[in-house]
Amino acid sequence: MPFKTILLVVGVNQGDEEIERAAAIAAGLGSHLSVLVLGIAPPPPSSPYGVVSNDIWASEIQEGQAEAQVRAAQIEGWLAKRGAPGSVEAQYIDRATVTTLVARFARYADATLIPPQAEDVDVAIDWVTNGALFESGRPVILLPEGAFRFPQVDCAMIAWDASVEASKAVRDAIELMKGTKTVHAVLVDPVPSFDGHGAEPGADLAAYLARHGISVTVHRLPSEGRDVASVLMRQATDFDVDLVVMGGFGHSRLRQRIFGGTTLSTVKAHTVPVLMSH
């Protein structure tokens, strides 16, 4: 699937650095950059008798809406000055609505860029990731801090566990992997099974990708008691990959939030761009 529209969600107080990185990625993919500027509205004042309205809160809402519009106009001007194809929309909403709104915008994009969480930005990346990853049917691309080569992908790594989520991620990343020089498929503690890996873990994946013109080297690795995410990130570093492709939250989100899991560990500690699908 070609990436024709890329979504970026930013806070009103987000700096230009992430806009610049997103515009460069969109240009490299030949994509339209859709920017959603979010302002977070304060909750209405309340009393023992329920929610009440007052002039101060109403004034804060008006000011917040104006700030969001101003920031959107600034980004729009920035894109126009550089000739970058894109569109910008501002929304001023309460925190509880962020996930739903992001999901709506993400459904009309081919992927959503998730930048690192900045301490001074009012829109939490968790809210954006939840909407884009779980409620849109589209992949997200987690961007690390620091420099990276994406969307140039000379070397890609697939974190393969034969799950539905991993299968979807591979399908979503087909176009990106077609131009690579090297693709590695890493299987951690794979077990032959009738309904998962098959008799030879990784063989079916390699055959599937070969029909798309993608040659892949399969690596079956033991975790040796280490966290799976750390094994994957170590291999990504050793292979000097430009992109990791993996499924997100193969187990229940509640279980992973309580006990941890590969998805959460990767979200928190990725050092290269990660395309994740659910």
C-alpha atoms as a PDB file:
ATOM      1  CA  MET A   1       0.000   0.000   0.000  1.00  0.00           C
ATOM      2  CA  PRO A   2       1.517   3.347  -0.990  1.00  0.00           C
ATOM      3  CA  PHE A   3       1.511   6.089   1.610  1.00  0.00           C
ATOM      4  CA  LYS A   4      -0.385   8.964   0.013  1.00  0.00           C
ATOM      5  CA  THR A   5      -1.507  10.716   3.213  1.00  0.00           C
ATOM      6  CA  ILE A   6       0.475  10.985   6.446  1.00  0.00           C
ATOM      7  CA  LEU A   7      -1.114  12.317   9.646  1.00  0.00           C
ATOM      8  CA  LEU A   8       0.720  14.249  12.341  1.00  0.00           C
ATOM      9  CA  VAL A   9      -1.011  15.340  15.552  1.00  0.00           C
ATOM     10  CA  VAL A  10       0.613  18.196  17.453  1.00  0.00           C
ATOM     11  CA  GLY A  11      -0.197  20.305  20.474  1.00  0.00           C
ATOM     12  CA  VAL A  12      -0.688  24.054  20.308  1.00  0.00           C
ATOM     13  CA  ASN A  13       2.656  24.548  22.036  1.00  0.00           C
ATOM     14  CA  GLN A  14       4.525  22.032  19.842  1.00  0.00           C
ATOM     15  CA  GLY A  15       7.676  23.486  18.267  1.00  0.00           C
ATOM     16  CA  ASP A  16       8.563  23.422  14.586  1.00  0.00           C
ATOM     17  CA  GLU A  17      11.054  20.539  14.844  1.00  0.00           C
ATOM     18  CA  GLU A  18       8.431  17.802  14.548  1.00  0.00           C
ATOM     19  CA  ILE A  19       6.687  19.686  11.738  1.00  0.00           C
ATOM     20  CA  GLU A  20       9.983  19.790   9.851  1.00  0.00           C
ATOM     21  CA  ARG A  21      10.644  16.077  10.395  1.00  0.00           C
ATOM     22  CA  ALA A  22       7.113  15.158   9.335  1.00  0.00           C
ATOM     23  CA  ALA A  23       7.312  17.338   6.223  1.00  0.00           C
ATOM     24  CA  ALA A  24      10.617  15.694   5.261  1.00  0.00           C
ATOM     25  CA  ILE A  25       9.118  12.218   5.716  1.00  0.00           C
ATOM     26  CA  ALA A  26       6.023  13.136   3.693  1.00  0.00           C
ATOM     27  CA  ALA A  27       8.211  14.559   0.917  1.00  0.00           C
ATOM     28  CA  GLY A  28      10.323  11.410   0.849  1.00  0.00           C
ATOM     29  CA  LEU A  29       7.199   9.264   0.541  1.00  0.00           C
ATOM     30  CA  GLY A  30       5.521  11.569  -1.968  1.00  0.00           C
ATOM     31  CA  SER A  31       2.703  12.020   0.541  1.00  0.00           C
ATOM     32  CA  HIS A  32       0.260  14.722   1.542  1.00  0.00           C
ATOM     33  CA  LEU A  33       0.923  15.808   5.141  1.00  0.00           C
ATOM     34  CA  SER A  34      -2.234  16.239   7.202  1.00  0.00           C
ATOM     35  CA  VAL A  35      -1.582  18.127  10.439  1.00  0.00           C
ATOM     36  CA  LEU A  36      -4.094  18.136  13.286  1.00  0.00           C
ATOM     37  CA  VAL A  37      -3.419  20.869  15.850  1.00  0.00           C
ATOM     38  CA  LEU A  38      -5.005  20.083  19.201  1.00  0.00           C
ATOM     39  CA  GLY A  39      -5.665  22.417  22.073  1.00  0.00           C
ATOM     40  CA  ILE A  40      -6.806  20.835  25.335  1.00  0.00           C
ATOM     41  CA  ALA A  41      -9.734  22.630  26.948  1.00  0.00           C
ATOM     42  CA  PRO A  42      -9.938  22.904  30.738  1.00  0.00           C
ATOM     43  CA  PRO A  43     -12.836  21.078  32.375  1.00  0.00           C
ATOM     44  CA  PRO A  44     -15.834  23.238  33.223  1.00  0.00           C
ATOM     45  CA  PRO A  45     -16.076  24.421  36.824  1.00  0.00           C
ATOM     46  CA  SER A  46     -18.308  22.327  39.025  1.00  0.00           C
ATOM     47  CA  SER A  47     -20.064  22.535  42.336  1.00  0.00           C
ATOM     48  CA  PRO A  48     -21.865  20.043  44.605  1.00  0.00           C
ATOM     49  CA  TYR A  49     -24.907  20.760  42.437  1.00  0.00           C
ATOM     50  CA  GLY A  50     -23.213  19.825  39.173  1.00  0.00           C
ATOM     51  CA  VAL A  51     -21.390  21.629  36.363  1.00  0.00           C
ATOM     52  CA  VAL A  52     -21.713  25.387  36.343  1.00  0.00           C
ATOM     53  CA  SER A  53     -20.632  28.035  33.876  1.00  0.00           C
ATOM     54  CA  ASN A  54     -18.779  31.235  34.574  1.00  0.00           C
ATOM     55  CA  ASP A  55     -17.218  34.081  32.638  1.00  0.00           C
ATOM     56  CA  ILE A  56     -13.629  33.111  33.457  1.00  0.00           C
ATOM     57  CA  TRP A  57     -14.011  29.586  32.077  1.00  0.00           C
ATOM     58  CA  ALA A  58     -15.838  30.883  28.995  1.00  0.00           C
ATOM     59  CA  SER A  59     -13.034  33.367  28.404  1.00  0.00           C
ATOM     60  CA  GLU A  60     -10.406  30.597  28.711  1.00  0.00           C
ATOM     61  CA  ILE A  61     -12.263  28.538  26.116  1.00  0.00           C
ATOM     62  CA  GLN A  62     -12.348  31.444  23.663  1.00  0.00           C
ATOM     63  CA  GLU A  63      -8.656  32.156  24.192  1.00  0.00           C
ATOM     64  CA  GLY A  64      -7.772  28.484  23.727  1.00  0.00           C
ATOM     65  CA  GLN A  65      -9.738  28.244  20.495  1.00  0.00           C
ATOM     66  CA  ALA A  66      -8.008  31.367  19.184  1.00  0.00           C
ATOM     67  CA  GLU A  67      -4.552  30.007  20.096  1.00  0.00           C
ATOM     68  CA  ALA A  68      -5.240  26.752  18.273  1.00  0.00           C
ATOM     69  CA  GLN A  69      -6.326  28.628  15.154  1.00  0.00           C
ATOM     70  CA  VAL A  70      -3.260  30.873  15.275  1.00  0.00           C
ATOM     71  CA  ARG A  71      -0.901  27.883  15.585  1.00  0.00           C
ATOM     72  CA  ALA A  72      -2.651  26.142  12.700  1.00  0.00           C
ATOM     73  CA  ALA A  73      -2.239  29.253  10.531  1.00  0.00           C
ATOM     74  CA  GLN A  74       1.473  29.386  11.407  1.00  0.00           C
ATOM     75  CA  ILE A  75       1.989  25.759  10.377  1.00  0.00           C
ATOM     76  CA  GLU A  76      -0.033  26.284   7.212  1.00  0.00           C
ATOM     77  CA  GLY A  77       2.169  29.242   6.315  1.00  0.00           C
ATOM     78  CA  TRP A  78       5.307  27.223   7.090  1.00  0.00           C
ATOM     79  CA  LEU A  79       4.207  24.437   4.726  1.00  0.00           C
ATOM     80  CA  ALA A  80       3.179  26.871   1.988  1.00  0.00           C
ATOM     81  CA  LYS A  81       6.499  28.739   2.158  1.00  0.00           C
ATOM     82  CA  ARG A  82       8.364  25.480   1.570  1.00  0.00           C
ATOM     83  CA  GLY A  83       6.004  24.238  -1.103  1.00  0.00           C
ATOM     84  CA  ALA A  84       5.121  21.174   0.961  1.00  0.00           C
ATOM     85  CA  PRO A  85       1.743  19.631   0.044  1.00  0.00           C
ATOM     86  CA  GLY A  86      -0.309  19.552   3.204  1.00  0.00           C
ATOM     87  CA  SER A  87      -3.388  20.637   5.091  1.00  0.00           C
ATOM     88  CA  VAL A  88      -3.838  21.853   8.656  1.00  0.00           C
ATOM     89  CA  GLU A  89      -6.874  21.766  10.927  1.00  0.00           C
ATOM     90  CA  ALA A  90      -7.229  23.070  14.477  1.00  0.00           C
ATOM     91  CA  GLN A  91      -9.463  21.592  17.176  1.00  0.00           C
ATOM     92  CA  TYR A  92      -9.937  22.719  20.768  1.00  0.00           C
ATOM     93  CA  ILE A  93     -11.392  19.833  22.732  1.00  0.00           C
ATOM     94  CA  ASP A  94     -11.481  18.232  26.150  1.00  0.00           C
ATOM     95  CA  ARG A  95      -8.998  15.524  27.055  1.00  0.00           C
ATOM     96  CA  ALA A  96     -11.561  12.706  26.921  1.00  0.00           C
ATOM     97  CA  THR A  97     -12.294  13.437  23.246  1.00  0.00           C
ATOM     98  CA  VAL A  98      -8.699  13.304  21.975  1.00  0.00           C
ATOM     99  CA  THR A  99      -8.588   9.562  21.243  1.00  0.00           C
ATOM    100  CA  THR A 100     -11.895   9.586  19.354  1.00  0.00           C
ATOM    101  CA  LEU A 101     -10.971  12.618  17.261  1.00  0.00           C
ATOM    102  CA  VAL A 102      -7.497  11.306  16.408  1.00  0.00           C
ATOM    103  CA  ALA A 103      -9.039   7.983  15.328  1.00  0.00           C
ATOM    104  CA  ARG A 104     -11.367   9.822  12.959  1.00  0.00           C
ATOM    105  CA  PHE A 105      -8.524  11.718  11.305  1.00  0.00           C
ATOM    106  CA  ALA A 106      -6.285   8.621  11.215  1.00  0.00           C
ATOM    107  CA  ARG A 107      -8.900   6.666   9.243  1.00  0.00           C
ATOM    108  CA  TYR A 108      -8.390   9.082   6.378  1.00  0.00           C
ATOM    109  CA  ALA A 109      -4.596   8.710   6.377  1.00  0.00           C
ATOM    110  CA  ASP A 110      -2.340   5.823   5.407  1.00  0.00           C
ATOM    111  CA  ALA A 111      -0.254   6.144   8.559  1.00  0.00           C
ATOM    112  CA  THR A 112       0.069   8.368  11.623  1.00  0.00           C
ATOM    113  CA  LEU A 113       3.444   9.668  12.743  1.00  0.00           C
ATOM    114  CA  ILE A 114       4.001   9.426  16.512  1.00  0.00           C
ATOM    115  CA  PRO A 115       6.859  11.707  17.612  1.00  0.00           C
ATOM    116  CA  PRO A 116       8.643  11.357  20.964  1.00  0.00           C
ATOM    117  CA  GLN A 117       6.760  12.825  23.905  1.00  0.00           C
ATOM    118  CA  ALA A 118       8.057  16.291  24.745  1.00  0.00           C
ATOM    119  CA  GLU A 119       7.713  17.340  28.374  1.00  0.00           C
ATOM    120  CA  ASP A 120       6.309  20.780  27.576  1.00  0.00           C
ATOM    121  CA  VAL A 121       3.663  19.629  25.061  1.00  0.00           C
ATOM    122  CA  ASP A 122       0.102  19.530  26.355  1.00  0.00           C
ATOM    123  CA  VAL A 123      -1.151  16.675  24.132  1.00  0.00           C
ATOM    124  CA  ALA A 124      -0.024  13.324  25.568  1.00  0.00           C
ATOM    125  CA  ILE A 125       1.341  10.911  22.986  1.00  0.00           C
ATOM    126  CA  ASP A 126      -0.540   8.054  24.710  1.00  0.00           C
ATOM    127  CA  TRP A 127      -3.886   9.646  23.807  1.00  0.00           C
ATOM    128  CA  VAL A 128      -2.826  10.024  20.177  1.00  0.00           C
ATOM    129  CA  THR A 129      -1.377   6.512  19.939  1.00  0.00           C
ATOM    130  CA  ASN A 130      -4.504   4.921  21.398  1.00  0.00           C
ATOM    131  CA  GLY A 131      -6.749   6.556  18.823  1.00  0.00           C
ATOM    132  CA  ALA A 132      -4.475   6.063  15.826  1.00  0.00           C
ATOM    133  CA  LEU A 133      -3.384   2.489  16.586  1.00  0.00           C
ATOM    134  CA  PHE A 134      -6.475   0.893  18.088  1.00  0.00           C
ATOM    135  CA  GLU A 135      -9.411   2.691  16.509  1.00  0.00           C
ATOM    136  CA  SER A 136      -8.402   3.581  12.955  1.00  0.00           C
ATOM    137  CA  GLY A 137      -7.352   0.334  11.256  1.00  0.00           C
ATOM    138  CA  ARG A 138      -4.209   2.140  10.068  1.00  0.00           C
ATOM    139  CA  PRO A 139      -0.573   1.739  11.135  1.00  0.00           C
ATOM    140  CA  VAL A 140       1.401   4.186  13.227  1.00  0.00           C
ATOM    141  CA  ILE A 141       5.060   5.044  12.730  1.00  0.00           C
ATOM    142  CA  LEU A 142       6.842   5.649  16.028  1.00  0.00           C
ATOM    143  CA  LEU A 143       9.661   8.137  15.585  1.00  0.00           C
ATOM    144  CA  PRO A 144      12.675   8.045  17.914  1.00  0.00           C
ATOM    145  CA  GLU A 145      14.583  10.955  19.340  1.00  0.00           C
ATOM    146  CA  GLY A 146      17.626  12.052  17.385  1.00  0.00           C
ATOM    147  CA  ALA A 147      18.566  11.522  13.755  1.00  0.00           C
ATOM    148  CA  PHE A 148      17.279   8.707  11.536  1.00  0.00           C
ATOM    149  CA  ARG A 149      17.201   7.895   7.814  1.00  0.00           C
ATOM    150  CA  PHE A 150      13.495   7.103   7.380  1.00  0.00           C
ATOM    151  CA  PRO A 151      11.721   7.278   4.931  1.00  0.00           C
ATOM    152  CA  GLN A 152      14.872   6.002   3.250  1.00  0.00           C
ATOM    153  CA  VAL A 153      14.784   2.306   4.128  1.00  0.00           C
ATOM    154  CA  ASP A 154      17.873   0.420   3.037  1.00  0.00           C
ATOM    155  CA  CYS A 155      17.533  -2.163   5.794  1.00  0.00           C
ATOM    156  CA  ALA A 156      14.305  -3.248   7.496  1.00  0.00           C
ATOM    157  CA  MET A 157      13.655  -5.683  10.313  1.00  0.00           C
ATOM    158  CA  ILE A 158      10.414  -7.567  10.881  1.00  0.00           C
ATOM    159  CA  ALA A 159       9.600  -8.611  14.435  1.00  0.00           C
ATOM    160  CA  TRP A 160       7.705 -11.769  13.514  1.00  0.00           C
ATOM    161  CA  ASP A 161       5.580 -13.791  15.929  1.00  0.00           C
ATOM    162  CA  ALA A 162       3.020 -15.143  13.413  1.00  0.00           C
ATOM    163  CA  SER A 163       0.226 -13.098  14.988  1.00  0.00           C
ATOM    164  CA  VAL A 164      -2.596 -11.311  13.190  1.00  0.00           C
ATOM    165  CA  GLU A 165      -1.098  -7.977  14.263  1.00  0.00           C
ATOM    166  CA  ALA A 166       2.356  -8.836  12.898  1.00  0.00           C
ATOM    167  CA  SER A 167       0.800 -10.053   9.644  1.00  0.00           C
ATOM    168  CA  LYS A 168      -1.058  -6.767   9.245  1.00  0.00           C
ATOM    169  CA  ALA A 169       2.119  -4.798   9.947  1.00  0.00           C
ATOM    170  CA  VAL A 170       3.987  -6.701   7.241  1.00  0.00           C
ATOM    171  CA  ARG A 171       1.200  -6.028   4.756  1.00  0.00           C
ATOM    172  CA  ASP A 172       1.157  -2.339   5.688  1.00  0.00           C
ATOM    173  CA  ALA A 173       4.928  -2.101   5.164  1.00  0.00           C
ATOM    174  CA  ILE A 174       5.150  -3.962   1.835  1.00  0.00           C
ATOM    175  CA  GLU A 175       5.724  -0.818  -0.246  1.00  0.00           C
ATOM    176  CA  LEU A 176       8.417   0.427   2.130  1.00  0.00           C
ATOM    177  CA  MET A 177      10.236  -2.920   2.054  1.00  0.00           C
ATOM    178  CA  LYS A 178      10.182  -3.276  -1.727  1.00  0.00           C
ATOM    179  CA  GLY A 179      12.941  -0.697  -2.083  1.00  0.00           C
ATOM    180  CA  THR A 180      15.211  -2.133   0.600  1.00  0.00           C
ATOM    181  CA  LYS A 181      18.592  -3.740   0.112  1.00  0.00           C
ATOM    182  CA  THR A 182      18.175  -6.039   3.121  1.00  0.00           C
ATOM    183  CA  VAL A 183      15.236  -7.342   5.152  1.00  0.00           C
ATOM    184  CA  HIS A 184      15.676  -9.364   8.330  1.00  0.00           C
ATOM    185  CA  ALA A 185      12.897 -11.315  10.024  1.00  0.00           C
ATOM    186  CA  VAL A 186      13.627 -11.862  13.716  1.00  0.00           C
ATOM    187  CA  LEU A 187      11.741 -14.594  15.573  1.00  0.00           C
ATOM    188  CA  VAL A 188      12.313 -14.757  19.321  1.00  0.00           C
ATOM    189  CA  ASP A 189      11.762 -18.187  20.905  1.00  0.00           C
ATOM    190  CA  PRO A 190       9.674 -19.431  17.948  1.00  0.00           C
ATOM    191  CA  VAL A 191       7.803 -22.694  18.379  1.00  0.00           C
ATOM    192  CA  PRO A 192       6.589 -24.770  15.418  1.00  0.00           C
ATOM    193  CA  SER A 193       2.807 -24.983  15.526  1.00  0.00           C
ATOM    194  CA  PHE A 194      -0.178 -25.925  13.396  1.00  0.00           C
ATOM    195  CA  ASP A 195      -1.961 -22.570  13.714  1.00  0.00           C
ATOM    196  CA  GLY A 196       0.977 -20.150  14.070  1.00  0.00           C
ATOM    197  CA  HIS A 197       4.481 -20.486  12.649  1.00  0.00           C
ATOM    198  CA  GLY A 198       3.889 -23.792  10.869  1.00  0.00           C
ATOM    199  CA  ALA A 199       6.422 -26.592  10.796  1.00  0.00           C
ATOM    200  CA  GLU A 200       9.366 -24.271  10.050  1.00  0.00           C
ATOM    201  CA  PRO A 201       9.067 -20.859  11.742  1.00  0.00           C
ATOM    202  CA  GLY A 202       9.713 -18.028   9.290  1.00  0.00           C
ATOM    203  CA  ALA A 203       9.535 -20.136   6.128  1.00  0.00           C
ATOM    204  CA  ASP A 204       5.975 -19.131   5.196  1.00  0.00           C
ATOM    205  CA  LEU A 205       6.768 -15.459   5.786  1.00  0.00           C
ATOM    206  CA  ALA A 206       9.841 -15.658   3.547  1.00  0.00           C
ATOM    207  CA  ALA A 207       7.817 -17.338   0.785  1.00  0.00           C
ATOM    208  CA  TYR A 208       5.051 -14.728   1.033  1.00  0.00           C
ATOM    209  CA  LEU A 209       7.488 -11.807   0.802  1.00  0.00           C
ATOM    210  CA  ALA A 210       9.406 -13.445  -2.052  1.00  0.00           C
ATOM    211  CA  ARG A 211       6.243 -13.271  -4.161  1.00  0.00           C
ATOM    212  CA  HIS A 212       6.327  -9.505  -3.612  1.00  0.00           C
ATOM    213  CA  GLY A 213       9.932  -9.407  -4.764  1.00  0.00           C
ATOM    214  CA  ILE A 214      11.301  -9.036  -1.237  1.00  0.00           C
ATOM    215  CA  SER A 215      14.138 -11.298  -0.118  1.00  0.00           C
ATOM    216  CA  VAL A 216      14.288 -11.849   3.642  1.00  0.00           C
ATOM    217  CA  THR A 217      16.814 -13.481   5.964  1.00  0.00           C
ATOM    218  CA  VAL A 218      15.178 -15.329   8.863  1.00  0.00           C
ATOM    219  CA  HIS A 219      16.805 -15.261  12.304  1.00  0.00           C
ATOM    220  CA  ARG A 220      15.480 -17.544  15.057  1.00  0.00           C
ATOM    221  CA  LEU A 221      16.815 -16.244  18.355  1.00  0.00           C
ATOM    222  CA  PRO A 222      16.490 -17.400  21.975  1.00  0.00           C
ATOM    223  CA  SER A 223      15.484 -14.761  24.487  1.00  0.00           C
ATOM    224  CA  GLU A 224      17.606 -16.418  27.190  1.00  0.00           C
ATOM    225  CA  GLY A 225      15.518 -14.807  29.884  1.00  0.00           C
ATOM    226  CA  ARG A 226      15.752 -11.318  28.379  1.00  0.00           C
ATOM    227  CA  ASP A 227      12.813  -9.064  27.594  1.00  0.00           C
ATOM    228  CA  VAL A 228      11.668  -9.641  23.992  1.00  0.00           C
ATOM    229  CA  ALA A 229      11.622  -5.922  23.235  1.00  0.00           C
ATOM    230  CA  SER A 230      15.242  -5.548  24.339  1.00  0.00           C
ATOM    231  CA  VAL A 231      16.242  -8.496  22.129  1.00  0.00           C
ATOM    232  CA  LEU A 232      14.520  -6.861  19.170  1.00  0.00           C
ATOM    233  CA  MET A 233      16.021  -3.417  19.747  1.00  0.00           C
ATOM    234  CA  ARG A 234      19.482  -4.972  20.194  1.00  0.00           C
ATOM    235  CA  GLN A 235      19.132  -6.742  16.853  1.00  0.00           C
ATOM    236  CA  ALA A 236      17.860  -3.550  15.219  1.00  0.00           C
ATOM    237  CA  THR A 237      21.030  -1.820  16.408  1.00  0.00           C
ATOM    238  CA  ASP A 238      23.295  -4.670  15.308  1.00  0.00           C
ATOM    239  CA  PHE A 239      21.689  -4.779  11.858  1.00  0.00           C
ATOM    240  CA  ASP A 240      21.737  -0.956  11.615  1.00  0.00           C
ATOM    241  CA  VAL A 241      18.141  -0.990  10.414  1.00  0.00           C
ATOM    242  CA  ASP A 242      16.186   2.018   9.182  1.00  0.00           C
ATOM    243  CA  LEU A 243      12.770   0.611  10.118  1.00  0.00           C
ATOM    244  CA  VAL A 244      11.320  -2.028  12.428  1.00  0.00           C
ATOM    245  CA  VAL A 245       8.001  -3.609  11.394  1.00  0.00           C
ATOM    246  CA  MET A 246       5.912  -5.193  14.132  1.00  0.00           C
ATOM    247  CA  GLY A 247       2.411  -5.872  15.393  1.00  0.00           C
ATOM    248  CA  GLY A 248       1.088  -3.931  18.342  1.00  0.00           C
ATOM    249  CA  PHE A 249      -0.622  -5.381  21.436  1.00  0.00           C
ATOM    250  CA  GLY A 250      -1.154  -8.969  20.422  1.00  0.00           C
ATOM    251  CA  HIS A 251      -2.346  -9.632  23.983  1.00  0.00           C
ATOM    252  CA  SER A 252      -5.048  -7.664  25.759  1.00  0.00           C
ATOM    253  CA  ARG A 253      -4.153  -4.036  26.419  1.00  0.00           C
ATOM    254  CA  LEU A 254      -5.254  -4.386  30.041  1.00  0.00           C
ATOM    255  CA  ARG A 255      -2.904  -7.328  30.569  1.00  0.00           C
ATOM    256  CA  GLN A 256       0.024  -5.475  29.029  1.00  0.00           C
ATOM    257  CA  ARG A 257      -0.660  -2.358  31.064  1.00  0.00           C
ATOM    258  CA  ILE A 258      -0.575  -4.426  34.257  1.00  0.00           C
ATOM    259  CA  PHE A 259       2.269  -6.806  33.490  1.00  0.00           C
ATOM    260  CA  GLY A 260       4.104  -5.007  30.717  1.00  0.00           C
ATOM    261  CA  GLY A 261       4.769  -6.419  27.283  1.00  0.00           C
ATOM    262  CA  THR A 262       6.753  -6.120  24.081  1.00  0.00           C
ATOM    263  CA  THR A 263       4.550  -3.370  22.660  1.00  0.00           C
ATOM    264  CA  LEU A 264       4.764  -1.104  25.681  1.00  0.00           C
ATOM    265  CA  SER A 265       8.501  -1.661  26.048  1.00  0.00           C
ATOM    266  CA  THR A 266       9.039  -0.835  22.380  1.00  0.00           C
ATOM    267  CA  VAL A 267       6.892   2.292  22.535  1.00  0.00           C
ATOM    268  CA  LYS A 268       8.930   3.553  25.480  1.00  0.00           C
ATOM    269  CA  ALA A 269      12.416   2.594  24.306  1.00  0.00           C
ATOM    270  CA  HIS A 270      12.642   2.454  20.512  1.00  0.00           C
ATOM    271  CA  THR A 271      15.856   3.801  18.975  1.00  0.00           C
ATOM    272  CA  VAL A 272      14.804   3.530  15.307  1.00  0.00           C
ATOM    273  CA  PRO A 273      11.499   4.241  13.540  1.00  0.00           C
ATOM    274  CA  VAL A 274       8.921   1.501  14.153  1.00  0.00           C
ATOM    275  CA  LEU A 275       5.917   0.786  11.940  1.00  0.00           C
ATOM    276  CA  MET A 276       3.309  -0.777  14.208  1.00  0.00           C
ATOM    277  CA  SER A 277      -0.113  -2.156  13.278  1.00  0.00           C
ATOM    278  CA  HIS A 278      -2.991  -3.559  15.273  1.00  0.00           C
END
